[in-house]
N, C-alpha and C. Protein backbone atom coordinates (compact mmCIF):
# COMPACT_ATOMS: atom_id res chain seq x y z
N MET A 1 7.04 35.03 45.23
CA MET A 1 6.07 35.41 44.20
C MET A 1 6.59 35.05 42.80
N LYS A 2 7.91 35.31 42.59
CA LYS A 2 8.51 34.97 41.31
C LYS A 2 8.46 33.46 41.07
N ARG A 3 8.67 32.68 42.15
CA ARG A 3 8.63 31.23 42.02
C ARG A 3 7.26 30.75 41.60
N LEU A 4 6.21 31.32 42.17
CA LEU A 4 4.84 30.94 41.80
C LEU A 4 4.54 31.30 40.35
N PHE A 5 5.05 32.42 39.92
CA PHE A 5 4.82 32.85 38.54
C PHE A 5 5.50 31.88 37.56
N LEU A 6 6.75 31.50 37.87
CA LEU A 6 7.45 30.55 37.02
C LEU A 6 6.74 29.20 37.00
N LEU A 7 6.26 28.77 38.15
CA LEU A 7 5.55 27.50 38.25
C LEU A 7 4.28 27.52 37.39
N ALA A 8 3.53 28.61 37.49
CA ALA A 8 2.29 28.72 36.71
C ALA A 8 2.59 28.76 35.22
N THR A 9 3.68 29.41 34.84
CA THR A 9 4.05 29.51 33.43
C THR A 9 4.41 28.14 32.86
N VAL A 10 5.22 27.39 33.60
CA VAL A 10 5.61 26.05 33.14
C VAL A 10 4.40 25.15 33.03
N PHE A 11 3.52 25.19 34.02
CA PHE A 11 2.31 24.36 34.00
C PHE A 11 1.43 24.71 32.81
N ALA A 12 1.30 26.00 32.52
CA ALA A 12 0.46 26.42 31.39
C ALA A 12 1.05 25.93 30.07
N ILE A 13 2.37 25.95 29.94
CA ILE A 13 3.01 25.49 28.71
C ILE A 13 2.76 24.01 28.50
N VAL A 14 2.88 23.21 29.58
CA VAL A 14 2.66 21.77 29.49
C VAL A 14 1.23 21.47 29.07
N VAL A 15 0.28 22.14 29.71
CA VAL A 15 -1.14 21.90 29.41
C VAL A 15 -1.48 22.31 27.99
N LEU A 16 -0.98 23.48 27.55
CA LEU A 16 -1.29 23.95 26.20
C LEU A 16 -0.68 23.04 25.15
N ALA A 17 0.50 22.50 25.43
CA ALA A 17 1.14 21.61 24.47
C ALA A 17 0.38 20.32 24.28
N CYS A 18 -0.28 19.84 25.34
CA CYS A 18 -0.98 18.56 25.28
C CYS A 18 -2.46 18.71 24.97
N ALA A 19 -3.00 19.91 25.10
CA ALA A 19 -4.45 20.10 24.95
C ALA A 19 -5.00 19.64 23.62
N PRO A 20 -4.35 19.95 22.47
CA PRO A 20 -4.92 19.50 21.19
C PRO A 20 -5.09 18.00 21.10
N ALA A 21 -4.17 17.25 21.67
CA ALA A 21 -4.25 15.79 21.59
C ALA A 21 -5.36 15.24 22.45
N PHE A 22 -5.74 15.98 23.50
CA PHE A 22 -6.79 15.50 24.39
C PHE A 22 -8.17 15.96 23.96
N ALA A 23 -8.24 16.95 23.04
CA ALA A 23 -9.54 17.44 22.59
C ALA A 23 -10.27 16.32 21.84
N THR A 24 -11.54 16.16 22.13
CA THR A 24 -12.34 15.11 21.50
C THR A 24 -13.00 15.65 20.24
N PHE A 25 -12.67 15.06 19.09
CA PHE A 25 -13.28 15.45 17.83
C PHE A 25 -14.36 14.45 17.48
N GLU A 26 -15.55 14.95 17.21
CA GLU A 26 -16.68 14.09 16.83
C GLU A 26 -17.29 14.60 15.54
N PHE A 27 -17.66 13.66 14.68
CA PHE A 27 -18.31 14.00 13.42
C PHE A 27 -19.56 13.14 13.31
N ILE A 28 -20.72 13.78 13.38
CA ILE A 28 -22.01 13.07 13.35
C ILE A 28 -22.67 13.28 11.99
N VAL A 29 -23.16 12.19 11.43
CA VAL A 29 -23.93 12.24 10.18
C VAL A 29 -25.35 11.74 10.48
N GLU A 30 -26.34 12.56 10.17
CA GLU A 30 -27.74 12.18 10.41
C GLU A 30 -28.45 11.92 9.09
N SER A 31 -29.50 11.13 9.17
CA SER A 31 -30.15 10.63 7.95
C SER A 31 -31.35 11.45 7.48
N ARG A 32 -31.66 12.54 8.16
CA ARG A 32 -32.80 13.36 7.75
C ARG A 32 -32.37 14.78 7.44
N ALA A 33 -33.07 15.42 6.49
CA ALA A 33 -32.79 16.81 6.14
C ALA A 33 -32.89 17.68 7.38
N GLY A 34 -31.94 18.58 7.53
CA GLY A 34 -31.89 19.43 8.72
C GLY A 34 -30.98 18.86 9.79
N GLY A 35 -30.55 17.62 9.61
CA GLY A 35 -29.67 16.99 10.58
C GLY A 35 -28.21 17.34 10.32
N LEU A 36 -27.35 16.99 11.23
CA LEU A 36 -25.93 17.28 11.10
C LEU A 36 -25.33 16.54 9.91
N ASN A 37 -24.59 17.28 9.10
CA ASN A 37 -23.87 16.71 7.96
C ASN A 37 -24.75 15.80 7.10
N TYR A 38 -25.98 16.24 6.89
CA TYR A 38 -26.93 15.45 6.10
C TYR A 38 -26.42 15.20 4.68
N ALA A 39 -25.59 16.10 4.15
CA ALA A 39 -25.04 15.92 2.81
C ALA A 39 -24.16 14.67 2.72
N ASN A 40 -23.72 14.15 3.86
CA ASN A 40 -22.89 12.95 3.89
C ASN A 40 -23.71 11.67 4.00
N PHE A 41 -25.02 11.79 3.87
CA PHE A 41 -25.90 10.62 3.91
C PHE A 41 -26.51 10.39 2.53
N SER A 42 -26.63 9.13 2.16
CA SER A 42 -27.31 8.80 0.91
C SER A 42 -27.98 7.44 1.04
N ALA A 43 -29.03 7.23 0.28
CA ALA A 43 -29.74 5.95 0.27
C ALA A 43 -30.46 5.81 -1.07
N PRO A 44 -30.36 4.65 -1.71
CA PRO A 44 -31.09 4.43 -2.96
C PRO A 44 -32.58 4.24 -2.69
N SER A 45 -33.33 3.92 -3.72
CA SER A 45 -34.76 3.71 -3.54
C SER A 45 -35.02 2.54 -2.61
N GLY A 46 -36.12 2.60 -1.91
CA GLY A 46 -36.47 1.54 -0.96
C GLY A 46 -36.45 2.01 0.48
N TRP A 47 -35.87 3.19 0.72
CA TRP A 47 -35.85 3.77 2.07
C TRP A 47 -36.87 4.90 2.13
N ALA A 48 -37.52 5.04 3.28
CA ALA A 48 -38.54 6.06 3.46
C ALA A 48 -38.33 6.79 4.78
N THR A 49 -38.94 7.96 4.90
CA THR A 49 -38.81 8.72 6.13
C THR A 49 -39.64 8.10 7.25
N SER A 50 -39.15 8.25 8.46
CA SER A 50 -39.82 7.72 9.65
C SER A 50 -39.95 8.82 10.69
N THR A 51 -41.01 8.76 11.48
CA THR A 51 -41.18 9.72 12.58
C THR A 51 -40.41 9.28 13.82
N GLY A 52 -39.79 8.12 13.77
CA GLY A 52 -39.00 7.66 14.90
C GLY A 52 -37.76 8.52 15.08
N ASN A 53 -37.62 9.12 16.25
CA ASN A 53 -36.52 10.04 16.51
C ASN A 53 -35.32 9.32 17.12
N VAL A 54 -34.13 9.72 16.73
CA VAL A 54 -32.91 9.13 17.27
C VAL A 54 -32.58 9.75 18.63
N ASN A 55 -32.40 11.09 18.62
CA ASN A 55 -32.18 11.86 19.85
C ASN A 55 -31.04 11.35 20.72
N ALA A 56 -30.00 10.78 20.11
CA ALA A 56 -28.80 10.43 20.86
C ALA A 56 -28.05 11.73 21.18
N PRO A 57 -27.19 11.73 22.20
CA PRO A 57 -26.46 12.96 22.55
C PRO A 57 -25.73 13.56 21.36
N GLY A 58 -25.97 14.85 21.13
CA GLY A 58 -25.34 15.55 20.03
C GLY A 58 -26.15 15.58 18.75
N CYS A 59 -27.20 14.75 18.67
CA CYS A 59 -28.04 14.72 17.47
C CYS A 59 -29.05 15.86 17.49
N THR A 60 -29.55 16.20 16.31
CA THR A 60 -30.61 17.19 16.19
C THR A 60 -31.90 16.60 16.74
N PRO A 61 -32.55 17.27 17.70
CA PRO A 61 -33.74 16.68 18.34
C PRO A 61 -34.92 16.55 17.38
N ASP A 62 -35.62 15.43 17.48
CA ASP A 62 -36.94 15.24 16.91
C ASP A 62 -37.05 15.52 15.41
N ILE A 63 -36.08 15.03 14.64
CA ILE A 63 -36.17 15.23 13.18
C ILE A 63 -36.53 13.93 12.46
N GLY A 64 -36.70 12.84 13.21
CA GLY A 64 -37.06 11.57 12.59
C GLY A 64 -35.83 10.81 12.11
N SER A 65 -36.07 9.81 11.29
CA SER A 65 -34.99 8.95 10.79
C SER A 65 -35.43 8.35 9.46
N MET A 66 -34.75 7.32 9.01
CA MET A 66 -35.11 6.60 7.80
C MET A 66 -35.33 5.13 8.11
N TYR A 67 -36.14 4.47 7.27
CA TYR A 67 -36.33 3.04 7.48
C TYR A 67 -36.58 2.33 6.15
N SER A 68 -36.28 1.05 6.16
CA SER A 68 -36.59 0.18 5.02
C SER A 68 -37.55 -0.87 5.53
N GLY A 69 -38.81 -0.75 5.14
CA GLY A 69 -39.82 -1.70 5.58
C GLY A 69 -39.87 -2.87 4.63
N THR A 70 -39.47 -4.03 5.11
CA THR A 70 -39.36 -5.15 4.19
C THR A 70 -39.41 -6.48 4.92
N SER A 71 -39.90 -7.48 4.25
CA SER A 71 -39.82 -8.84 4.76
C SER A 71 -38.83 -9.65 3.94
N THR A 72 -38.05 -8.94 3.12
CA THR A 72 -37.07 -9.58 2.24
C THR A 72 -35.68 -9.12 2.60
N TYR A 73 -34.71 -10.02 2.51
CA TYR A 73 -33.31 -9.66 2.74
C TYR A 73 -32.72 -9.15 1.43
N PHE A 74 -32.39 -7.88 1.37
CA PHE A 74 -31.87 -7.28 0.14
C PHE A 74 -30.35 -7.35 0.04
N GLY A 75 -29.65 -7.37 1.16
CA GLY A 75 -28.19 -7.37 1.12
C GLY A 75 -27.66 -6.07 0.52
N PRO A 76 -26.57 -6.12 -0.26
CA PRO A 76 -25.94 -4.90 -0.77
C PRO A 76 -26.82 -4.06 -1.68
N SER A 77 -27.85 -4.64 -2.28
CA SER A 77 -28.64 -3.90 -3.26
C SER A 77 -29.51 -2.81 -2.64
N ARG A 78 -29.74 -2.86 -1.34
CA ARG A 78 -30.50 -1.79 -0.68
C ARG A 78 -29.73 -1.38 0.57
N TYR A 79 -29.18 -0.17 0.55
CA TYR A 79 -28.33 0.26 1.65
C TYR A 79 -28.59 1.73 1.98
N ALA A 80 -28.26 2.12 3.21
CA ALA A 80 -28.21 3.51 3.64
C ALA A 80 -26.77 3.79 4.03
N GLU A 81 -26.20 4.86 3.50
CA GLU A 81 -24.76 5.10 3.62
C GLU A 81 -24.46 6.44 4.31
N PHE A 82 -23.51 6.38 5.27
CA PHE A 82 -23.03 7.56 6.00
C PHE A 82 -21.53 7.70 5.72
N SER A 83 -21.08 8.90 5.33
CA SER A 83 -19.68 9.07 4.90
C SER A 83 -18.94 10.10 5.74
N PHE A 84 -17.61 9.91 5.83
CA PHE A 84 -16.75 10.79 6.62
C PHE A 84 -15.35 10.79 6.03
N THR A 85 -14.76 11.99 5.87
CA THR A 85 -13.38 12.13 5.39
C THR A 85 -12.57 12.83 6.47
N PRO A 86 -11.76 12.10 7.22
CA PRO A 86 -10.98 12.73 8.30
C PRO A 86 -9.88 13.63 7.75
N THR A 87 -9.53 14.65 8.51
CA THR A 87 -8.41 15.52 8.15
C THR A 87 -7.15 15.13 8.92
N VAL A 88 -7.29 14.25 9.89
CA VAL A 88 -6.16 13.80 10.70
C VAL A 88 -6.16 12.27 10.72
N THR A 89 -5.01 11.67 10.43
CA THR A 89 -4.87 10.22 10.55
C THR A 89 -4.83 9.86 12.03
N SER A 90 -5.74 9.01 12.45
CA SER A 90 -5.85 8.69 13.87
C SER A 90 -6.74 7.46 14.04
N LYS A 91 -6.80 6.97 15.25
CA LYS A 91 -7.76 5.93 15.58
C LYS A 91 -9.10 6.59 15.87
N TYR A 92 -10.17 5.99 15.34
CA TYR A 92 -11.51 6.53 15.54
C TYR A 92 -12.45 5.43 16.03
N GLU A 93 -13.33 5.81 16.94
CA GLU A 93 -14.42 4.92 17.34
C GLU A 93 -15.64 5.29 16.50
N ILE A 94 -16.31 4.28 15.97
CA ILE A 94 -17.47 4.51 15.10
C ILE A 94 -18.71 3.98 15.80
N TYR A 95 -19.68 4.84 15.98
CA TYR A 95 -20.90 4.50 16.72
C TYR A 95 -22.13 4.63 15.82
N LEU A 96 -23.16 3.87 16.13
CA LEU A 96 -24.46 4.00 15.48
C LEU A 96 -25.51 4.30 16.54
N ALA A 97 -26.53 5.05 16.13
CA ALA A 97 -27.67 5.31 16.99
C ALA A 97 -28.93 5.15 16.17
N TRP A 98 -30.01 4.69 16.82
CA TRP A 98 -31.25 4.41 16.10
C TRP A 98 -32.45 4.75 16.98
N PRO A 99 -33.65 4.84 16.37
CA PRO A 99 -34.86 5.20 17.12
C PRO A 99 -35.46 4.00 17.85
N SER A 100 -36.54 4.25 18.56
CA SER A 100 -37.20 3.20 19.35
C SER A 100 -38.18 2.37 18.53
N THR A 101 -38.39 2.74 17.27
CA THR A 101 -39.27 1.94 16.41
C THR A 101 -38.59 0.60 16.10
N ALA A 102 -39.38 -0.39 15.75
CA ALA A 102 -38.86 -1.74 15.58
C ALA A 102 -37.74 -1.79 14.55
N GLY A 103 -36.61 -2.35 14.94
CA GLY A 103 -35.51 -2.58 14.03
C GLY A 103 -35.28 -4.07 13.87
N GLU A 104 -34.06 -4.46 13.51
CA GLU A 104 -33.72 -5.87 13.34
C GLU A 104 -32.68 -6.30 14.37
N LYS A 105 -32.77 -7.54 14.81
CA LYS A 105 -31.82 -8.05 15.78
C LYS A 105 -30.43 -8.25 15.17
N GLN A 106 -30.37 -8.54 13.90
CA GLN A 106 -29.08 -8.75 13.24
C GLN A 106 -28.96 -7.82 12.04
N THR A 107 -28.87 -6.54 12.30
CA THR A 107 -28.73 -5.57 11.23
C THR A 107 -27.31 -5.61 10.67
N SER A 108 -27.19 -5.78 9.37
CA SER A 108 -25.88 -5.85 8.73
C SER A 108 -25.30 -4.45 8.55
N VAL A 109 -24.06 -4.27 9.04
CA VAL A 109 -23.39 -2.96 8.97
C VAL A 109 -21.98 -3.17 8.41
N ASN A 110 -21.56 -2.27 7.53
CA ASN A 110 -20.25 -2.38 6.88
C ASN A 110 -19.47 -1.07 6.95
N LEU A 111 -18.15 -1.17 7.04
CA LEU A 111 -17.25 -0.03 6.92
C LEU A 111 -16.34 -0.28 5.73
N TYR A 112 -16.26 0.68 4.79
CA TYR A 112 -15.51 0.47 3.56
C TYR A 112 -15.10 1.82 2.96
N THR A 113 -14.27 1.77 1.91
CA THR A 113 -13.76 3.00 1.31
C THR A 113 -14.17 3.19 -0.15
N GLY A 114 -14.73 2.18 -0.77
CA GLY A 114 -15.08 2.27 -2.19
C GLY A 114 -16.57 2.44 -2.42
N ALA A 115 -17.03 1.90 -3.55
CA ALA A 115 -18.45 1.94 -3.88
C ALA A 115 -19.21 0.98 -2.97
N ALA A 116 -20.51 1.23 -2.81
CA ALA A 116 -21.32 0.43 -1.90
C ALA A 116 -21.63 -0.96 -2.46
N THR A 117 -21.49 -1.12 -3.76
CA THR A 117 -21.79 -2.42 -4.39
C THR A 117 -20.73 -2.72 -5.45
N GLY A 118 -20.78 -3.95 -5.98
CA GLY A 118 -19.91 -4.30 -7.09
C GLY A 118 -18.58 -4.91 -6.69
N GLY A 119 -18.35 -5.11 -5.38
CA GLY A 119 -17.11 -5.70 -4.93
C GLY A 119 -17.23 -7.20 -4.76
N PRO A 120 -16.27 -7.80 -4.06
CA PRO A 120 -16.33 -9.25 -3.79
C PRO A 120 -17.51 -9.58 -2.88
N ALA A 121 -17.76 -10.86 -2.71
CA ALA A 121 -18.82 -11.29 -1.79
C ALA A 121 -18.57 -10.72 -0.40
N ASP A 122 -19.63 -10.31 0.27
CA ASP A 122 -19.47 -9.70 1.59
C ASP A 122 -19.35 -10.77 2.68
N ALA A 123 -19.35 -10.33 3.92
CA ALA A 123 -19.14 -11.24 5.05
C ALA A 123 -20.23 -12.29 5.17
N TRP A 124 -21.38 -12.06 4.55
CA TRP A 124 -22.51 -12.98 4.67
C TRP A 124 -22.74 -13.76 3.38
N GLY A 125 -21.79 -13.69 2.45
CA GLY A 125 -21.88 -14.47 1.23
C GLY A 125 -22.68 -13.82 0.13
N ASN A 126 -23.06 -12.55 0.29
CA ASN A 126 -23.80 -11.85 -0.76
C ASN A 126 -22.85 -11.38 -1.85
N ALA A 127 -23.15 -11.68 -3.10
CA ALA A 127 -22.33 -11.22 -4.21
C ALA A 127 -22.43 -9.70 -4.36
N GLY A 128 -21.35 -9.10 -4.85
CA GLY A 128 -21.38 -7.67 -5.13
C GLY A 128 -21.44 -6.81 -3.89
N GLY A 129 -20.67 -7.15 -2.88
CA GLY A 129 -20.64 -6.37 -1.64
C GLY A 129 -19.88 -5.06 -1.81
N PRO A 130 -19.74 -4.31 -0.72
CA PRO A 130 -19.01 -3.04 -0.78
C PRO A 130 -17.56 -3.24 -1.21
N GLN A 131 -17.02 -2.24 -1.90
CA GLN A 131 -15.63 -2.29 -2.34
C GLN A 131 -14.73 -1.61 -1.29
N GLY A 132 -13.52 -2.11 -1.15
CA GLY A 132 -12.62 -1.55 -0.14
C GLY A 132 -13.09 -1.86 1.26
N MET A 133 -13.60 -3.08 1.47
CA MET A 133 -14.16 -3.46 2.77
C MET A 133 -13.09 -3.44 3.86
N ILE A 134 -13.44 -2.85 4.99
CA ILE A 134 -12.54 -2.80 6.15
C ILE A 134 -13.08 -3.65 7.30
N TYR A 135 -14.38 -3.54 7.56
CA TYR A 135 -14.97 -4.27 8.69
C TYR A 135 -16.45 -4.49 8.43
N ALA A 136 -16.95 -5.65 8.82
CA ALA A 136 -18.38 -5.96 8.70
C ALA A 136 -18.85 -6.61 9.99
N GLY A 137 -20.07 -6.30 10.40
CA GLY A 137 -20.62 -6.88 11.62
C GLY A 137 -22.11 -6.67 11.68
N THR A 138 -22.74 -7.13 12.75
CA THR A 138 -24.17 -6.93 12.93
C THR A 138 -24.43 -6.19 14.23
N MET A 139 -25.56 -5.48 14.28
CA MET A 139 -25.95 -4.76 15.49
C MET A 139 -27.42 -5.04 15.77
N ASP A 140 -27.73 -5.20 17.05
CA ASP A 140 -29.09 -5.49 17.49
C ASP A 140 -29.85 -4.18 17.67
N MET A 141 -30.79 -3.90 16.77
CA MET A 141 -31.59 -2.68 16.83
C MET A 141 -33.05 -2.97 17.16
N TYR A 142 -33.31 -4.16 17.72
CA TYR A 142 -34.69 -4.56 17.98
C TYR A 142 -35.14 -4.09 19.37
N TYR A 143 -35.61 -2.85 19.45
CA TYR A 143 -36.13 -2.26 20.69
C TYR A 143 -35.11 -2.21 21.82
N VAL A 144 -33.83 -2.17 21.53
CA VAL A 144 -32.82 -2.09 22.58
C VAL A 144 -31.82 -0.97 22.25
N ASN A 145 -31.22 -0.42 23.31
CA ASN A 145 -30.16 0.58 23.19
C ASN A 145 -30.55 1.75 22.28
N VAL A 146 -31.77 2.22 22.47
CA VAL A 146 -32.27 3.31 21.62
C VAL A 146 -31.88 4.67 22.21
N GLY A 147 -31.68 5.63 21.32
CA GLY A 147 -31.38 6.99 21.77
C GLY A 147 -30.01 7.15 22.40
N VAL A 148 -29.12 6.19 22.20
CA VAL A 148 -27.75 6.26 22.72
C VAL A 148 -26.79 5.86 21.61
N TRP A 149 -25.51 6.13 21.82
CA TRP A 149 -24.49 5.74 20.84
C TRP A 149 -24.00 4.34 21.15
N ASN A 150 -24.02 3.48 20.15
CA ASN A 150 -23.61 2.07 20.29
C ASN A 150 -22.36 1.84 19.44
N LEU A 151 -21.29 1.36 20.08
CA LEU A 151 -20.02 1.18 19.38
C LEU A 151 -20.13 0.07 18.33
N PHE A 152 -19.72 0.40 17.12
CA PHE A 152 -19.68 -0.57 16.02
C PHE A 152 -18.27 -1.15 15.87
N THR A 153 -17.28 -0.27 15.75
CA THR A 153 -15.89 -0.73 15.62
C THR A 153 -14.95 0.43 15.91
N THR A 154 -13.68 0.10 16.16
CA THR A 154 -12.61 1.09 16.33
C THR A 154 -11.54 0.79 15.29
N GLN A 155 -11.21 1.80 14.48
CA GLN A 155 -10.26 1.60 13.38
C GLN A 155 -9.38 2.83 13.20
N VAL A 156 -8.19 2.61 12.64
CA VAL A 156 -7.34 3.73 12.23
C VAL A 156 -7.82 4.21 10.87
N LEU A 157 -8.18 5.50 10.79
CA LEU A 157 -8.65 6.09 9.54
C LEU A 157 -7.61 7.09 9.05
N ASN A 158 -7.34 7.08 7.76
CA ASN A 158 -6.31 7.93 7.17
C ASN A 158 -6.87 9.25 6.68
N ALA A 159 -6.13 10.31 6.92
CA ALA A 159 -6.54 11.64 6.48
C ALA A 159 -6.70 11.66 4.96
N GLY A 160 -7.77 12.31 4.50
CA GLY A 160 -8.00 12.46 3.07
C GLY A 160 -8.72 11.31 2.41
N THR A 161 -8.90 10.20 3.11
CA THR A 161 -9.65 9.05 2.57
C THR A 161 -11.09 9.13 3.05
N THR A 162 -12.03 8.91 2.14
CA THR A 162 -13.44 8.92 2.52
C THR A 162 -13.86 7.52 2.94
N TYR A 163 -14.44 7.45 4.13
CA TYR A 163 -14.91 6.18 4.69
C TYR A 163 -16.43 6.18 4.72
N HIS A 164 -17.01 5.01 4.47
CA HIS A 164 -18.46 4.87 4.44
C HIS A 164 -18.89 3.80 5.44
N VAL A 165 -20.00 4.08 6.10
CA VAL A 165 -20.68 3.07 6.92
C VAL A 165 -22.05 2.88 6.32
N ASN A 166 -22.39 1.62 5.96
CA ASN A 166 -23.74 1.43 5.44
C ASN A 166 -24.50 0.35 6.20
N ILE A 167 -25.80 0.44 6.08
CA ILE A 167 -26.72 -0.49 6.73
C ILE A 167 -27.54 -1.15 5.63
N TYR A 168 -27.61 -2.47 5.63
CA TYR A 168 -28.40 -3.19 4.64
C TYR A 168 -29.88 -3.14 5.00
N GLY A 169 -30.72 -3.03 3.97
CA GLY A 169 -32.15 -3.18 4.17
C GLY A 169 -32.50 -4.66 4.26
N GLY A 170 -33.29 -5.04 5.23
CA GLY A 170 -33.65 -6.45 5.42
C GLY A 170 -32.79 -7.09 6.48
N TYR A 171 -33.23 -8.23 6.98
CA TYR A 171 -32.50 -8.91 8.05
C TYR A 171 -31.25 -9.59 7.53
N LYS A 172 -30.33 -9.92 8.43
CA LYS A 172 -29.09 -10.58 8.05
C LYS A 172 -29.36 -12.03 7.69
N ALA A 173 -28.91 -12.46 6.52
CA ALA A 173 -29.04 -13.87 6.14
C ALA A 173 -28.14 -14.70 7.05
N PRO A 174 -28.57 -15.92 7.42
CA PRO A 174 -29.74 -16.62 6.91
C PRO A 174 -30.99 -16.48 7.78
N GLY A 175 -30.94 -15.70 8.86
CA GLY A 175 -32.11 -15.60 9.71
C GLY A 175 -32.06 -14.38 10.59
N ASN A 176 -33.02 -14.26 11.49
CA ASN A 176 -33.13 -13.08 12.32
C ASN A 176 -33.45 -13.45 13.76
N ASP A 177 -32.83 -14.51 14.26
CA ASP A 177 -33.00 -14.93 15.65
C ASP A 177 -34.46 -15.15 16.02
N GLY A 178 -35.25 -15.64 15.08
CA GLY A 178 -36.63 -15.96 15.38
C GLY A 178 -37.58 -14.78 15.41
N VAL A 179 -37.08 -13.57 15.13
CA VAL A 179 -37.93 -12.38 15.11
C VAL A 179 -38.35 -12.09 13.68
N ALA A 180 -39.63 -11.94 13.47
CA ALA A 180 -40.13 -11.69 12.11
C ALA A 180 -39.53 -10.40 11.56
N SER A 181 -39.09 -10.44 10.31
CA SER A 181 -38.51 -9.26 9.69
C SER A 181 -39.56 -8.16 9.57
N ASN A 182 -39.21 -6.98 10.00
CA ASN A 182 -40.16 -5.88 10.02
C ASN A 182 -39.62 -4.67 9.27
N ARG A 183 -38.59 -4.06 9.81
CA ARG A 183 -38.00 -2.90 9.19
C ARG A 183 -36.57 -2.74 9.67
N VAL A 184 -35.78 -2.05 8.87
CA VAL A 184 -34.41 -1.71 9.24
C VAL A 184 -34.34 -0.20 9.40
N CYS A 185 -33.75 0.25 10.49
CA CYS A 185 -33.67 1.68 10.79
C CYS A 185 -32.31 2.25 10.44
N ALA A 186 -32.29 3.47 9.91
CA ALA A 186 -31.06 4.21 9.66
C ALA A 186 -31.20 5.55 10.37
N GLY A 187 -30.48 5.71 11.46
CA GLY A 187 -30.61 6.93 12.26
C GLY A 187 -29.44 7.87 12.11
N ALA A 188 -28.33 7.56 12.76
CA ALA A 188 -27.16 8.43 12.74
C ALA A 188 -25.90 7.62 12.99
N VAL A 189 -24.79 8.14 12.51
CA VAL A 189 -23.47 7.53 12.72
C VAL A 189 -22.54 8.61 13.26
N LYS A 190 -21.69 8.23 14.22
CA LYS A 190 -20.73 9.17 14.81
C LYS A 190 -19.32 8.61 14.72
N PHE A 191 -18.39 9.46 14.27
CA PHE A 191 -16.97 9.13 14.23
C PHE A 191 -16.28 9.95 15.32
N THR A 192 -15.65 9.28 16.28
CA THR A 192 -15.00 9.96 17.40
C THR A 192 -13.51 9.66 17.41
N GLN A 193 -12.69 10.71 17.34
CA GLN A 193 -11.25 10.51 17.36
C GLN A 193 -10.79 10.08 18.75
N VAL A 194 -9.90 9.09 18.81
CA VAL A 194 -9.36 8.59 20.07
C VAL A 194 -8.02 9.27 20.33
N PRO A 195 -7.82 9.92 21.50
CA PRO A 195 -6.54 10.57 21.80
C PRO A 195 -5.38 9.58 21.72
N GLU A 196 -4.25 10.05 21.19
CA GLU A 196 -3.07 9.21 21.07
C GLU A 196 -2.44 8.95 22.43
N PRO A 197 -1.99 7.72 22.70
CA PRO A 197 -1.33 7.42 23.98
C PRO A 197 -0.09 8.28 24.20
N GLY A 198 0.58 8.67 23.13
CA GLY A 198 1.78 9.49 23.26
C GLY A 198 1.51 10.83 23.91
N SER A 199 0.30 11.37 23.71
CA SER A 199 -0.03 12.65 24.31
C SER A 199 -0.13 12.52 25.83
N MET A 200 -0.62 11.38 26.31
CA MET A 200 -0.71 11.15 27.74
C MET A 200 0.69 11.01 28.34
N LEU A 201 1.58 10.35 27.58
CA LEU A 201 2.96 10.22 28.03
C LEU A 201 3.62 11.59 28.11
N ALA A 202 3.33 12.43 27.12
CA ALA A 202 3.92 13.77 27.12
C ALA A 202 3.45 14.57 28.32
N LEU A 203 2.15 14.44 28.65
CA LEU A 203 1.63 15.16 29.80
C LEU A 203 2.28 14.66 31.08
N GLY A 204 2.39 13.34 31.20
CA GLY A 204 3.01 12.77 32.40
C GLY A 204 4.46 13.21 32.53
N THR A 205 5.20 13.20 31.42
CA THR A 205 6.60 13.63 31.44
C THR A 205 6.70 15.10 31.83
N GLY A 206 5.80 15.90 31.29
CA GLY A 206 5.82 17.32 31.61
C GLY A 206 5.55 17.58 33.08
N LEU A 207 4.58 16.85 33.64
CA LEU A 207 4.25 17.05 35.05
C LEU A 207 5.38 16.58 35.95
N LEU A 208 6.05 15.48 35.55
CA LEU A 208 7.21 15.02 36.33
C LEU A 208 8.32 16.06 36.30
N GLY A 209 8.53 16.65 35.12
CA GLY A 209 9.54 17.70 35.02
C GLY A 209 9.18 18.89 35.87
N LEU A 210 7.89 19.22 35.90
CA LEU A 210 7.43 20.33 36.73
C LEU A 210 7.66 20.04 38.20
N PHE A 211 7.39 18.79 38.60
CA PHE A 211 7.59 18.39 39.99
C PHE A 211 9.07 18.51 40.37
N GLY A 212 9.95 18.06 39.44
CA GLY A 212 11.38 18.16 39.70
C GLY A 212 11.84 19.60 39.81
N PHE A 213 11.27 20.44 38.97
CA PHE A 213 11.60 21.86 39.01
C PHE A 213 11.26 22.47 40.36
N VAL A 214 10.07 22.14 40.85
CA VAL A 214 9.64 22.67 42.15
C VAL A 214 10.56 22.19 43.26
N ARG A 215 10.95 20.93 43.23
CA ARG A 215 11.82 20.38 44.27
C ARG A 215 13.19 21.06 44.26
N ARG A 216 13.70 21.29 43.04
CA ARG A 216 15.01 21.95 42.96
C ARG A 216 14.95 23.37 43.49
N ARG A 217 13.84 24.04 43.21
CA ARG A 217 13.70 25.42 43.68
C ARG A 217 13.61 25.48 45.20
N ARG A 218 13.02 24.43 45.80
CA ARG A 218 12.89 24.41 47.25
C ARG A 218 14.19 24.04 47.95
N ALA A 219 15.05 23.29 47.25
CA ALA A 219 16.31 22.81 47.86
C ALA A 219 17.27 23.98 48.12
């Protein structure tokens, strides 16, 4: 009985020591009032409310989204911005989610730390792009992958630094894969902390030590 008690105690210590590293931290920013961390969303003039719901896992149900209805490519001058300031330096996966209403096949998305405009030319040659640019890419929001989280990028984010993800209004220059420009959707952005590999090593080492302990007790 004493042996079982010691075994359970050691196992509990190993699990408790590794549990914080395995806990999944998620920070969701939604684009409509009443949504999660709405204070971390901003958009200049040119964006309007939409009844198109995002409803990705973890999002506030049926609150709608935002859109920029345009046949013009605005680039940095018209953006919707989602912000996050981590408290822990770690690797994070950054996801976007959007509604089922018509979006763009090549939606321009940026990750940066400074102002949304006034920086060097962006990845598509637009003057006055975001400042402190970290990553730029495009995402297909044209009636595909709706209501789910779509991975944009994985990056190491530093504690205390504010990071921004923005979406340009209008299609990505110089074209839109033959699809007429209609609207750009801004739904929600999620920042998910990735567990450190060292925590898995610690758990494995702890379990091996536990196994050795049991064997010695049996010998």
